[in-house]
N, C-alpha and C. Protein backbone atom coordinates (compact mmCIF):
# COMPACT_ATOMS: atom_id res chain seq x y z
N MET A 1 -4.82 3.53 -4.24
CA MET A 1 -5.78 2.44 -4.12
C MET A 1 -6.13 2.30 -2.65
N ILE A 2 -7.29 2.78 -2.28
CA ILE A 2 -7.68 2.77 -0.87
C ILE A 2 -8.48 1.50 -0.55
N VAL A 3 -9.60 1.33 -1.21
CA VAL A 3 -10.48 0.17 -0.96
C VAL A 3 -9.78 -1.12 -1.37
N GLY A 4 -9.01 -1.06 -2.43
CA GLY A 4 -8.36 -2.25 -2.95
C GLY A 4 -7.41 -2.92 -1.98
N HIS A 5 -6.78 -2.14 -1.11
CA HIS A 5 -5.85 -2.74 -0.16
C HIS A 5 -6.59 -3.64 0.83
N TYR A 6 -7.77 -3.22 1.23
CA TYR A 6 -8.56 -4.05 2.12
C TYR A 6 -9.13 -5.26 1.38
N ALA A 7 -9.59 -5.04 0.16
CA ALA A 7 -10.13 -6.13 -0.64
C ALA A 7 -9.06 -7.17 -0.95
N ALA A 8 -7.81 -6.73 -1.15
CA ALA A 8 -6.73 -7.66 -1.46
C ALA A 8 -6.51 -8.67 -0.34
N ALA A 9 -6.79 -8.30 0.89
CA ALA A 9 -6.60 -9.21 2.02
C ALA A 9 -7.57 -10.39 1.97
N LEU A 10 -8.67 -10.24 1.22
CA LEU A 10 -9.63 -11.35 1.11
C LEU A 10 -9.07 -12.51 0.28
N ILE A 11 -8.14 -12.22 -0.61
CA ILE A 11 -7.59 -13.27 -1.47
C ILE A 11 -6.88 -14.33 -0.64
N PRO A 12 -5.87 -13.97 0.16
CA PRO A 12 -5.24 -15.02 0.97
C PRO A 12 -6.14 -15.54 2.09
N TYR A 13 -7.06 -14.71 2.56
CA TYR A 13 -7.94 -15.18 3.63
C TYR A 13 -8.76 -16.38 3.16
N SER A 14 -9.21 -16.33 1.91
CA SER A 14 -9.99 -17.45 1.39
C SER A 14 -9.14 -18.71 1.26
N ARG A 15 -7.86 -18.54 1.04
CA ARG A 15 -6.95 -19.68 0.89
C ARG A 15 -6.45 -20.21 2.25
N LEU A 16 -6.40 -19.33 3.25
CA LEU A 16 -5.84 -19.69 4.55
C LEU A 16 -6.91 -19.87 5.62
N LYS A 17 -8.17 -19.86 5.23
CA LYS A 17 -9.27 -19.93 6.19
C LYS A 17 -9.18 -21.16 7.09
N GLU A 18 -8.86 -22.30 6.49
CA GLU A 18 -8.81 -23.54 7.27
C GLU A 18 -7.69 -23.53 8.31
N SER A 19 -6.66 -22.71 8.07
CA SER A 19 -5.54 -22.67 9.01
C SER A 19 -5.78 -21.66 10.13
N ARG A 20 -6.97 -21.05 10.11
CA ARG A 20 -7.36 -20.08 11.15
C ARG A 20 -6.43 -18.88 11.22
N THR A 21 -5.92 -18.47 10.08
CA THR A 21 -5.12 -17.25 10.01
C THR A 21 -6.04 -16.07 10.28
N PRO A 22 -5.71 -15.22 11.23
CA PRO A 22 -6.60 -14.11 11.56
C PRO A 22 -6.69 -13.10 10.41
N PHE A 23 -7.90 -12.70 10.09
CA PHE A 23 -8.13 -11.73 9.01
C PHE A 23 -7.48 -10.40 9.33
N TRP A 24 -7.47 -10.02 10.61
CA TRP A 24 -6.86 -8.74 11.00
C TRP A 24 -5.38 -8.70 10.62
N LEU A 25 -4.69 -9.84 10.70
CA LEU A 25 -3.28 -9.89 10.34
C LEU A 25 -3.09 -9.58 8.85
N LEU A 26 -3.96 -10.16 8.02
CA LEU A 26 -3.87 -9.92 6.58
C LEU A 26 -4.20 -8.46 6.25
N LEU A 27 -5.21 -7.90 6.92
CA LEU A 27 -5.54 -6.48 6.72
C LEU A 27 -4.37 -5.59 7.13
N LEU A 28 -3.77 -5.90 8.26
CA LEU A 28 -2.63 -5.13 8.74
C LEU A 28 -1.48 -5.17 7.74
N CYS A 29 -1.15 -6.37 7.26
CA CYS A 29 -0.03 -6.52 6.33
C CYS A 29 -0.32 -5.84 4.99
N ALA A 30 -1.57 -5.87 4.55
CA ALA A 30 -1.93 -5.21 3.29
C ALA A 30 -1.80 -3.70 3.38
N ASN A 31 -1.77 -3.18 4.58
CA ASN A 31 -1.72 -1.72 4.77
C ASN A 31 -0.45 -1.24 5.45
N VAL A 32 0.58 -2.07 5.52
CA VAL A 32 1.84 -1.67 6.13
C VAL A 32 2.39 -0.39 5.50
N PRO A 33 2.43 -0.25 4.17
CA PRO A 33 2.94 1.00 3.61
C PRO A 33 2.14 2.23 4.04
N GLU A 34 0.84 2.06 4.23
CA GLU A 34 -0.01 3.18 4.66
C GLU A 34 0.32 3.58 6.10
N PHE A 35 0.47 2.59 6.97
CA PHE A 35 0.81 2.89 8.36
C PHE A 35 2.20 3.52 8.46
N LEU A 36 3.13 3.02 7.65
CA LEU A 36 4.47 3.60 7.63
C LEU A 36 4.41 5.04 7.14
N TRP A 37 3.61 5.29 6.10
CA TRP A 37 3.48 6.66 5.59
C TRP A 37 2.90 7.58 6.66
N LEU A 38 1.87 7.14 7.37
CA LEU A 38 1.29 7.97 8.43
C LEU A 38 2.31 8.30 9.51
N LEU A 39 3.10 7.31 9.89
CA LEU A 39 4.14 7.55 10.89
C LEU A 39 5.17 8.56 10.36
N LEU A 40 5.63 8.35 9.12
CA LEU A 40 6.62 9.25 8.54
C LEU A 40 6.05 10.64 8.31
N ALA A 41 4.77 10.73 8.00
CA ALA A 41 4.14 12.04 7.83
C ALA A 41 4.09 12.77 9.18
N LEU A 42 3.74 12.05 10.24
CA LEU A 42 3.70 12.67 11.57
C LEU A 42 5.08 13.13 12.02
N LEU A 43 6.11 12.40 11.59
CA LEU A 43 7.48 12.77 11.94
C LEU A 43 8.03 13.86 11.03
N GLY A 44 7.27 14.25 9.99
CA GLY A 44 7.72 15.29 9.07
C GLY A 44 8.63 14.80 7.97
N ILE A 45 8.82 13.49 7.85
CA ILE A 45 9.71 12.94 6.83
C ILE A 45 9.01 12.83 5.48
N GLU A 46 7.74 12.47 5.48
CA GLU A 46 6.94 12.37 4.26
C GLU A 46 5.67 13.21 4.44
N PRO A 47 5.82 14.52 4.55
CA PRO A 47 4.65 15.36 4.82
C PRO A 47 3.71 15.45 3.62
N ALA A 48 2.48 15.75 3.91
CA ALA A 48 1.47 15.98 2.87
C ALA A 48 0.96 17.40 3.03
N SER A 49 0.58 17.98 1.92
CA SER A 49 -0.05 19.30 2.00
C SER A 49 -1.26 19.29 1.08
N PRO A 50 -2.28 20.02 1.42
CA PRO A 50 -2.41 20.97 2.52
C PRO A 50 -2.47 20.26 3.87
N ALA A 51 -2.19 21.03 4.90
CA ALA A 51 -2.11 20.46 6.25
C ALA A 51 -3.46 19.99 6.77
N SER A 52 -4.53 20.63 6.37
CA SER A 52 -5.86 20.27 6.84
C SER A 52 -6.54 19.34 5.84
N MET A 53 -7.13 18.27 6.34
CA MET A 53 -7.83 17.35 5.44
C MET A 53 -9.09 17.99 4.85
N PHE A 54 -9.58 19.05 5.48
CA PHE A 54 -10.75 19.74 4.96
C PHE A 54 -10.42 20.55 3.71
N ASP A 55 -9.15 20.85 3.51
CA ASP A 55 -8.70 21.58 2.32
C ASP A 55 -8.18 20.66 1.23
N ALA A 56 -8.15 19.37 1.50
CA ALA A 56 -7.55 18.42 0.58
C ALA A 56 -8.54 17.95 -0.48
N SER A 57 -8.04 17.80 -1.68
CA SER A 57 -8.76 17.17 -2.78
C SER A 57 -7.71 16.47 -3.63
N PHE A 58 -8.14 15.66 -4.58
CA PHE A 58 -7.17 14.98 -5.43
C PHE A 58 -6.27 15.98 -6.15
N SER A 59 -6.84 17.10 -6.57
CA SER A 59 -6.05 18.07 -7.33
C SER A 59 -5.16 18.94 -6.44
N SER A 60 -5.49 19.10 -5.16
CA SER A 60 -4.69 19.97 -4.30
C SER A 60 -3.71 19.21 -3.40
N LEU A 61 -3.86 17.91 -3.32
CA LEU A 61 -3.03 17.13 -2.42
C LEU A 61 -1.64 16.92 -3.01
N ASP A 62 -0.63 17.17 -2.22
CA ASP A 62 0.75 16.97 -2.63
C ASP A 62 1.41 16.05 -1.62
N VAL A 63 1.73 14.84 -2.05
CA VAL A 63 2.34 13.86 -1.16
C VAL A 63 3.62 13.31 -1.78
N HIS A 64 4.59 13.08 -0.95
CA HIS A 64 5.84 12.45 -1.37
C HIS A 64 6.07 11.28 -0.44
N MET A 65 5.94 10.09 -0.98
CA MET A 65 6.00 8.87 -0.18
C MET A 65 7.27 8.09 -0.48
N THR A 66 8.39 8.75 -0.31
CA THR A 66 9.69 8.22 -0.70
C THR A 66 10.01 6.87 -0.06
N TYR A 67 9.83 6.76 1.22
CA TYR A 67 10.22 5.55 1.94
C TYR A 67 9.08 4.57 2.12
N SER A 68 7.87 5.03 2.05
CA SER A 68 6.73 4.16 2.32
C SER A 68 6.09 3.57 1.07
N HIS A 69 6.18 4.25 -0.08
CA HIS A 69 5.43 3.80 -1.24
C HIS A 69 6.22 3.69 -2.55
N ASN A 70 7.47 4.08 -2.57
CA ASN A 70 8.22 3.90 -3.81
C ASN A 70 8.49 2.42 -4.03
N LEU A 71 8.81 2.05 -5.26
CA LEU A 71 8.84 0.63 -5.63
C LEU A 71 9.85 -0.19 -4.83
N ILE A 72 11.09 0.19 -4.84
CA ILE A 72 12.10 -0.62 -4.14
C ILE A 72 11.86 -0.63 -2.63
N PRO A 73 11.59 0.52 -1.97
CA PRO A 73 11.26 0.44 -0.55
C PRO A 73 10.03 -0.42 -0.27
N GLY A 74 9.05 -0.39 -1.18
CA GLY A 74 7.85 -1.21 -1.00
C GLY A 74 8.14 -2.69 -1.07
N LEU A 75 9.01 -3.07 -2.00
CA LEU A 75 9.39 -4.49 -2.10
C LEU A 75 10.19 -4.92 -0.88
N LEU A 76 11.04 -4.02 -0.38
CA LEU A 76 11.79 -4.32 0.84
C LEU A 76 10.85 -4.46 2.05
N GLN A 77 9.80 -3.67 2.08
CA GLN A 77 8.81 -3.80 3.15
C GLN A 77 8.15 -5.18 3.09
N GLY A 78 7.85 -5.63 1.88
CA GLY A 78 7.24 -6.94 1.72
C GLY A 78 8.14 -8.04 2.28
N VAL A 79 9.43 -7.95 2.00
CA VAL A 79 10.38 -8.94 2.52
C VAL A 79 10.42 -8.85 4.05
N ALA A 80 10.50 -7.64 4.58
CA ALA A 80 10.56 -7.45 6.04
C ALA A 80 9.31 -7.99 6.72
N VAL A 81 8.14 -7.71 6.15
CA VAL A 81 6.88 -8.20 6.72
C VAL A 81 6.87 -9.73 6.70
N GLY A 82 7.26 -10.32 5.59
CA GLY A 82 7.30 -11.78 5.50
C GLY A 82 8.22 -12.40 6.54
N VAL A 83 9.39 -11.81 6.73
CA VAL A 83 10.35 -12.31 7.73
C VAL A 83 9.77 -12.17 9.14
N LEU A 84 9.18 -11.02 9.44
CA LEU A 84 8.60 -10.81 10.78
C LEU A 84 7.46 -11.77 11.06
N VAL A 85 6.58 -11.96 10.09
CA VAL A 85 5.45 -12.88 10.29
C VAL A 85 5.95 -14.31 10.43
N TYR A 86 6.95 -14.68 9.64
CA TYR A 86 7.51 -16.04 9.78
C TYR A 86 8.15 -16.21 11.16
N GLY A 87 8.87 -15.20 11.62
CA GLY A 87 9.48 -15.27 12.94
C GLY A 87 8.46 -15.39 14.06
N TRP A 88 7.29 -14.79 13.85
CA TRP A 88 6.24 -14.81 14.86
C TRP A 88 5.44 -16.12 14.81
N LEU A 89 4.97 -16.52 13.61
CA LEU A 89 4.06 -17.65 13.49
C LEU A 89 4.73 -18.96 13.06
N ARG A 90 5.94 -18.86 12.50
CA ARG A 90 6.64 -20.05 11.97
C ARG A 90 5.80 -20.78 10.93
N ARG A 91 5.10 -19.99 10.11
CA ARG A 91 4.26 -20.55 9.04
C ARG A 91 4.68 -19.91 7.73
N GLY A 92 5.32 -20.67 6.87
CA GLY A 92 5.81 -20.15 5.61
C GLY A 92 4.72 -19.64 4.70
N ASP A 93 3.59 -20.35 4.65
CA ASP A 93 2.50 -19.92 3.75
C ASP A 93 1.93 -18.57 4.18
N VAL A 94 1.72 -18.40 5.46
CA VAL A 94 1.17 -17.14 5.97
C VAL A 94 2.19 -16.02 5.79
N ALA A 95 3.45 -16.31 6.05
CA ALA A 95 4.51 -15.30 5.90
C ALA A 95 4.61 -14.84 4.44
N LEU A 96 4.53 -15.77 3.51
CA LEU A 96 4.59 -15.41 2.09
C LEU A 96 3.40 -14.54 1.68
N TRP A 97 2.22 -14.91 2.12
CA TRP A 97 1.04 -14.11 1.80
C TRP A 97 1.13 -12.72 2.42
N CYS A 98 1.59 -12.64 3.66
CA CYS A 98 1.68 -11.34 4.33
C CYS A 98 2.72 -10.45 3.65
N GLY A 99 3.85 -11.02 3.30
CA GLY A 99 4.87 -10.26 2.58
C GLY A 99 4.36 -9.82 1.22
N PHE A 100 3.65 -10.72 0.55
CA PHE A 100 3.07 -10.38 -0.75
C PHE A 100 2.07 -9.23 -0.63
N LEU A 101 1.22 -9.26 0.39
CA LEU A 101 0.23 -8.20 0.57
C LEU A 101 0.88 -6.84 0.78
N ALA A 102 1.95 -6.79 1.57
CA ALA A 102 2.64 -5.52 1.79
C ALA A 102 3.24 -4.99 0.49
N ALA A 103 3.87 -5.86 -0.29
CA ALA A 103 4.45 -5.44 -1.57
C ALA A 103 3.36 -5.15 -2.60
N PHE A 104 2.29 -5.92 -2.58
CA PHE A 104 1.18 -5.74 -3.53
C PHE A 104 0.53 -4.37 -3.34
N HIS A 105 0.51 -3.87 -2.12
CA HIS A 105 -0.01 -2.54 -1.83
C HIS A 105 0.69 -1.51 -2.72
N VAL A 106 1.99 -1.56 -2.74
CA VAL A 106 2.77 -0.60 -3.53
C VAL A 106 2.56 -0.84 -5.02
N LEU A 107 2.50 -2.10 -5.43
CA LEU A 107 2.28 -2.40 -6.85
C LEU A 107 0.92 -1.87 -7.33
N CYS A 108 -0.10 -2.00 -6.49
CA CYS A 108 -1.42 -1.46 -6.83
C CYS A 108 -1.37 0.07 -6.92
N ASP A 109 -0.62 0.68 -6.03
CA ASP A 109 -0.52 2.14 -6.03
C ASP A 109 0.19 2.67 -7.27
N LEU A 110 0.95 1.84 -7.95
CA LEU A 110 1.58 2.27 -9.19
C LEU A 110 0.53 2.50 -10.27
N VAL A 111 -0.57 1.77 -10.20
CA VAL A 111 -1.66 1.93 -11.17
C VAL A 111 -2.65 2.97 -10.67
N VAL A 112 -3.09 2.81 -9.43
CA VAL A 112 -4.07 3.73 -8.85
C VAL A 112 -3.43 4.37 -7.63
N GLY A 113 -3.06 5.61 -7.76
CA GLY A 113 -2.46 6.31 -6.64
C GLY A 113 -1.76 7.57 -7.10
N PHE A 114 -0.94 8.10 -6.21
CA PHE A 114 -0.17 9.30 -6.52
C PHE A 114 1.14 8.90 -7.21
N GLU A 115 1.93 9.89 -7.53
CA GLU A 115 3.20 9.62 -8.20
C GLU A 115 4.16 8.89 -7.28
N HIS A 116 4.76 7.82 -7.80
CA HIS A 116 5.77 7.06 -7.07
C HIS A 116 6.96 6.86 -7.99
N GLN A 117 8.13 6.79 -7.38
CA GLN A 117 9.36 6.59 -8.13
C GLN A 117 9.94 5.21 -7.83
N LEU A 118 10.97 4.89 -8.58
CA LEU A 118 11.65 3.61 -8.38
C LEU A 118 12.27 3.54 -6.98
N TRP A 119 13.03 4.56 -6.60
CA TRP A 119 13.70 4.56 -5.30
C TRP A 119 13.41 5.84 -4.52
N GLY A 120 13.76 6.98 -5.08
CA GLY A 120 13.59 8.25 -4.39
C GLY A 120 13.21 9.35 -5.36
N PRO A 121 13.11 10.58 -4.89
CA PRO A 121 12.65 11.69 -5.71
C PRO A 121 13.43 11.89 -7.01
N GLY A 122 14.71 11.60 -7.03
CA GLY A 122 15.51 11.79 -8.24
C GLY A 122 15.48 10.62 -9.20
N SER A 123 14.85 9.52 -8.81
CA SER A 123 14.85 8.33 -9.67
C SER A 123 13.64 8.34 -10.60
N ALA A 124 13.60 7.38 -11.47
CA ALA A 124 12.56 7.31 -12.50
C ALA A 124 11.17 7.14 -11.89
N ARG A 125 10.20 7.82 -12.49
CA ARG A 125 8.80 7.66 -12.08
C ARG A 125 8.30 6.34 -12.63
N VAL A 126 7.66 5.55 -11.80
CA VAL A 126 7.18 4.23 -12.22
C VAL A 126 5.68 4.07 -12.05
N SER A 127 4.98 5.15 -11.73
CA SER A 127 3.54 5.06 -11.51
C SER A 127 2.78 5.85 -12.57
N LEU A 128 1.48 5.58 -12.66
CA LEU A 128 0.62 6.30 -13.59
C LEU A 128 0.12 7.62 -13.00
N ASN A 129 0.23 7.79 -11.68
CA ASN A 129 -0.21 9.02 -11.00
C ASN A 129 -1.67 9.34 -11.32
N THR A 130 -2.52 8.32 -11.30
CA THR A 130 -3.92 8.49 -11.70
C THR A 130 -4.73 9.35 -10.73
N TYR A 131 -4.34 9.42 -9.46
CA TYR A 131 -5.07 10.30 -8.56
C TYR A 131 -4.96 11.76 -9.01
N ALA A 132 -3.84 12.12 -9.59
CA ALA A 132 -3.66 13.49 -10.06
C ALA A 132 -4.12 13.67 -11.51
N SER A 133 -3.84 12.68 -12.36
CA SER A 133 -4.12 12.85 -13.79
C SER A 133 -5.53 12.44 -14.20
N ALA A 134 -6.10 11.46 -13.52
CA ALA A 134 -7.43 10.96 -13.89
C ALA A 134 -8.14 10.40 -12.65
N PRO A 135 -8.52 11.26 -11.69
CA PRO A 135 -9.06 10.75 -10.43
C PRO A 135 -10.34 9.93 -10.58
N TYR A 136 -11.21 10.28 -11.52
CA TYR A 136 -12.44 9.50 -11.69
C TYR A 136 -12.14 8.11 -12.23
N LEU A 137 -11.19 8.03 -13.14
CA LEU A 137 -10.76 6.73 -13.64
C LEU A 137 -10.14 5.91 -12.51
N ALA A 138 -9.33 6.55 -11.68
CA ALA A 138 -8.71 5.86 -10.55
C ALA A 138 -9.76 5.28 -9.61
N ILE A 139 -10.78 6.05 -9.31
CA ILE A 139 -11.84 5.57 -8.43
C ILE A 139 -12.62 4.43 -9.09
N ALA A 140 -12.84 4.51 -10.38
CA ALA A 140 -13.53 3.44 -11.11
C ALA A 140 -12.70 2.15 -11.09
N ILE A 141 -11.39 2.27 -11.28
CA ILE A 141 -10.52 1.09 -11.23
C ILE A 141 -10.56 0.47 -9.84
N GLU A 142 -10.52 1.29 -8.80
CA GLU A 142 -10.61 0.78 -7.43
C GLU A 142 -11.92 0.04 -7.20
N LEU A 143 -13.01 0.62 -7.70
CA LEU A 143 -14.32 0.00 -7.53
C LEU A 143 -14.36 -1.38 -8.20
N VAL A 144 -13.86 -1.48 -9.41
CA VAL A 144 -13.86 -2.74 -10.14
C VAL A 144 -12.99 -3.78 -9.39
N PHE A 145 -11.81 -3.34 -8.91
CA PHE A 145 -10.93 -4.26 -8.17
C PHE A 145 -11.60 -4.75 -6.89
N ALA A 146 -12.22 -3.82 -6.16
CA ALA A 146 -12.87 -4.20 -4.90
C ALA A 146 -14.04 -5.14 -5.14
N LEU A 147 -14.81 -4.90 -6.18
CA LEU A 147 -15.94 -5.78 -6.48
C LEU A 147 -15.48 -7.16 -6.95
N ALA A 148 -14.38 -7.18 -7.69
CA ALA A 148 -13.85 -8.47 -8.17
C ALA A 148 -13.34 -9.28 -6.99
């Protein structure tokens, strides 16, 4: 779910607008798993293939997002983001929304995204893997979510 992560940040923004919560913070928190994956991919921990983005397609892309996008690590990221935001802003409502956005990213990816497991490669698969099994349906679901 690419577009949906950005669209999801609009939900709390509409609720927190009067408190002057910066939209960039919500966008950042909604994409924490993505930034973590990019860092881990650069470090070789969660590599993607093919190596060139010009050779990549939904059918040829092979990604393993063990620490950045699996269910339990994603929920732990949500807790960590909430704690960090609370420590920074001392605002419980903003911290809860930010933690929710980080965890919601992973939950959305279970429906629209690549294969994800409960914890690691040997654990149960908990995603629909729609990018590989039904990429056009995945893109349609993202479009509907973003428009909503």
